[in-house]
Protein backbone atom coordinates (compact mmCIF):
# COMPACT_ATOMS: atom_id res chain seq x y z
CA UNK A 1 0.00 0.00 0.00
CA UNK A 2 1.46 3.41 -0.95
CA UNK A 3 2.53 5.73 1.87
CA UNK A 4 0.02 8.42 0.99
CA UNK A 5 -2.86 5.94 1.39
CA UNK A 6 -1.57 4.97 4.82
CA UNK A 7 -1.36 8.62 5.84
CA UNK A 8 -4.89 9.28 4.56
CA UNK A 9 -6.24 6.26 6.44
CA UNK A 10 -4.49 7.39 9.64
CA UNK A 11 -5.97 10.89 9.25
CA UNK A 12 -9.47 9.47 8.83
CA UNK A 13 -9.08 7.30 11.94
CA UNK A 14 -7.79 10.30 13.88
CA UNK A 15 -10.68 12.51 12.76
CA UNK A 16 -13.11 9.73 13.71
CA UNK A 17 -11.54 9.55 17.18
CA UNK A 18 -11.83 13.31 17.62
CA UNK A 19 -15.48 13.29 16.55
CA UNK A 20 -16.24 10.36 18.86
CA UNK A 21 -14.58 12.04 21.82
CA UNK A 22 -16.53 15.23 21.12
CA UNK A 23 -19.78 13.29 21.03
CA UNK A 24 -18.92 11.59 24.32
CA UNK A 25 -18.31 14.96 25.93
CA UNK A 26 -21.70 16.22 24.88
CA UNK A 27 -23.51 13.10 26.06
CA UNK A 28 -21.61 12.65 29.30
CA UNK A 29 -23.69 13.37 32.43
CA UNK A 30 -22.03 15.14 35.28
CA UNK A 31 -21.68 18.27 37.22
CA UNK A 32 -19.57 21.32 36.67
CA UNK A 33 -16.65 19.77 38.58
CA UNK A 34 -16.55 16.73 36.30
CA UNK A 35 -16.95 18.83 33.16
CA UNK A 36 -13.93 21.03 33.91
CA UNK A 37 -11.36 18.19 34.07
CA UNK A 38 -12.90 16.61 31.00
CA UNK A 39 -12.79 19.94 29.15
CA UNK A 40 -9.10 20.39 29.92
CA UNK A 41 -8.42 16.77 28.96
CA UNK A 42 -10.42 17.27 25.77
CA UNK A 43 -8.49 20.45 24.93
CA UNK A 44 -5.22 18.58 25.53
CA UNK A 45 -6.45 15.79 23.27
CA UNK A 46 -7.49 18.30 20.61
CA UNK A 47 -4.08 20.01 20.84
CA UNK A 48 -2.32 16.65 20.50
CA UNK A 49 -4.57 15.74 17.59
CA UNK A 50 -3.82 19.05 15.87
CA UNK A 51 -0.09 18.57 16.41
CA UNK A 52 -0.37 15.09 14.94
CA UNK A 53 -2.35 16.43 11.99
CA UNK A 54 0.30 19.11 11.42
CA UNK A 55 2.98 16.41 11.50
CA UNK A 56 0.98 14.35 9.00
CA UNK A 57 0.54 17.35 6.72
CA UNK A 58 4.29 18.06 6.91
CA UNK A 59 4.97 14.42 6.10
CA UNK A 60 2.61 14.66 3.11
CA UNK A 61 4.38 17.80 1.91
CA UNK A 62 7.74 16.06 2.26
CA UNK A 63 6.44 13.06 0.31
CA UNK A 64 5.08 15.44 -2.33
CA UNK A 65 8.46 17.16 -2.60
CA UNK A 66 10.21 13.80 -2.87
CA UNK A 67 7.75 12.78 -5.57
CA UNK A 68 8.44 16.01 -7.45
CA UNK A 69 12.18 15.42 -7.13
CA UNK A 70 11.72 11.91 -8.51
CA UNK A 71 9.68 13.29 -11.42
CA UNK A 72 12.45 15.80 -12.16
CA UNK A 73 15.05 13.02 -12.07
CA UNK A 74 12.95 10.87 -14.40
CA UNK A 75 12.59 13.79 -16.81
CA UNK A 76 16.36 14.34 -16.66
CA UNK A 77 16.96 10.66 -17.33
CA UNK A 78 14.49 10.80 -20.21
CA UNK A 79 16.41 13.73 -21.69
CA UNK A 80 19.72 11.91 -21.24
CA UNK A 81 18.26 8.82 -22.88
CA UNK A 82 17.04 10.87 -25.84
CA UNK A 83 20.50 12.43 -26.19
CA UNK A 84 22.12 8.99 -26.07
CA UNK A 85 19.71 7.71 -28.72
CA UNK A 86 20.55 10.68 -30.95
CA UNK A 87 24.26 9.97 -30.52
CA UNK A 88 23.67 6.31 -31.29
CA UNK A 89 21.78 7.17 -34.49
CA UNK A 90 24.54 9.57 -35.49
CA UNK A 91 27.17 6.89 -34.92
CA UNK A 92 25.14 4.38 -36.93
CA UNK A 93 24.96 6.84 -39.83
CA UNK A 94 28.71 7.43 -39.62
CA UNK A 95 29.33 3.67 -39.62
CA UNK A 96 27.12 3.27 -42.70
CA UNK A 97 29.01 6.07 -44.45
CA UNK A 98 32.34 4.45 -43.54
CA UNK A 99 31.13 1.10 -44.85
CA UNK A 100 30.17 2.71 -48.14
CA UNK A 101 33.56 4.38 -48.30
CA UNK A 102 35.30 1.05 -47.61
CA UNK A 103 33.26 -0.58 -50.36
CA UNK A 104 34.35 2.18 -52.75
CA UNK A 105 37.98 1.80 -51.71
CA UNK A 106 37.76 -1.97 -52.13
CA UNK A 107 36.35 -1.52 -55.63
CA UNK A 108 39.09 0.99 -56.50
CA UNK A 109 41.80 -1.31 -55.11
CA UNK A 110 40.46 -4.23 -57.18
CA UNK A 111 40.57 -1.97 -60.27
CA UNK A 112 44.16 -1.00 -59.43
CA UNK A 113 45.05 -4.70 -59.02
CA UNK A 114 43.61 -5.43 -62.46
CA UNK A 115 45.62 -2.56 -63.93
CA UNK A 116 48.78 -3.83 -62.21
CA UNK A 117 48.16 -7.30 -63.62
CA UNK A 118 47.74 -5.74 -67.09
CA UNK A 119 51.00 -3.80 -66.66
CA UNK A 120 52.76 -7.03 -65.56
CA UNK A 121 51.61 -8.72 -68.75
CA UNK A 122 52.82 -5.72 -70.81
CA UNK A 123 56.20 -5.78 -69.03
CA UNK A 124 56.49 -9.52 -69.68
CA UNK A 125 55.76 -8.89 -73.37
CA UNK A 126 58.34 -6.08 -73.53
CA UNK A 127 60.84 -8.28 -71.70
CA UNK A 128 60.38 -11.12 -74.20
CA UNK A 129 60.64 -8.62 -77.08
CA UNK A 130 63.79 -7.19 -75.51
CA UNK A 131 65.29 -10.65 -75.21
CA UNK A 132 64.52 -11.25 -78.89
CA UNK A 133 65.97 -7.85 -79.77
CA UNK A 134 69.14 -8.61 -77.82
CA UNK A 135 69.52 -11.89 -79.61
CA UNK A 136 68.92 -10.25 -83.01
CA UNK A 137 71.31 -7.42 -82.16
CA UNK A 138 73.95 -9.92 -81.05
CA UNK A 139 73.61 -11.87 -84.28
CA UNK A 140 73.77 -8.63 -86.31
CA UNK A 141 76.94 -7.51 -84.51
CA UNK A 142 78.49 -10.95 -84.97
CA UNK A 143 77.71 -10.85 -88.70
CA UNK A 144 79.18 -7.33 -88.97
CA UNK A 145 82.35 -8.42 -87.17
CA UNK A 146 82.68 -11.40 -89.54
CA UNK A 147 82.15 -9.14 -92.53
CA UNK A 148 84.77 -6.69 -91.24
CA UNK A 149 87.17 -9.58 -90.71
CA UNK A 150 86.43 -10.84 -94.20
CA UNK A 151 86.95 -7.40 -95.68
CA UNK A 152 90.15 -6.93 -93.66
CA UNK A 153 91.35 -10.38 -94.73
CA UNK A 154 90.61 -9.71 -98.38
CA UNK A 155 92.28 -6.31 -98.19
CA UNK A 156 95.41 -7.79 -96.63
CA UNK A 157 95.57 -10.51 -99.23
CA UNK A 158 95.79 -8.22 -102.12
């Protein structure tokens, strides 16, 4: 049972006790001597009841203030949660953008790999052509040297 219901129930019981004691005072037979002590006792009881009611009202105010503080804290937490959700959404968007960028970079790197493979094939073709050229140049130089030797030999013979 919530505390405010307990306080309300206690107040109702207290009011009922005050009303009952007031009714007993009115209905009680007796002389003026008996009425005076009862009147002072009744006024003491009323004063105690009022003090108790004031304490209960203060307790209710304190509970109300605590409840308001809790509401404020909940609102603050709600605001913090909303901020955290916004940050989370922002981070998710950044992650998506980074993934797209990585995909683009991967595609570009695969294109570069294909170009490198093409260049390797071209270099291999040039290398084989160069080897053939070297061989042809070597044969040409050898033939020229033989012709020079032949010409020199024929010139010396005459």
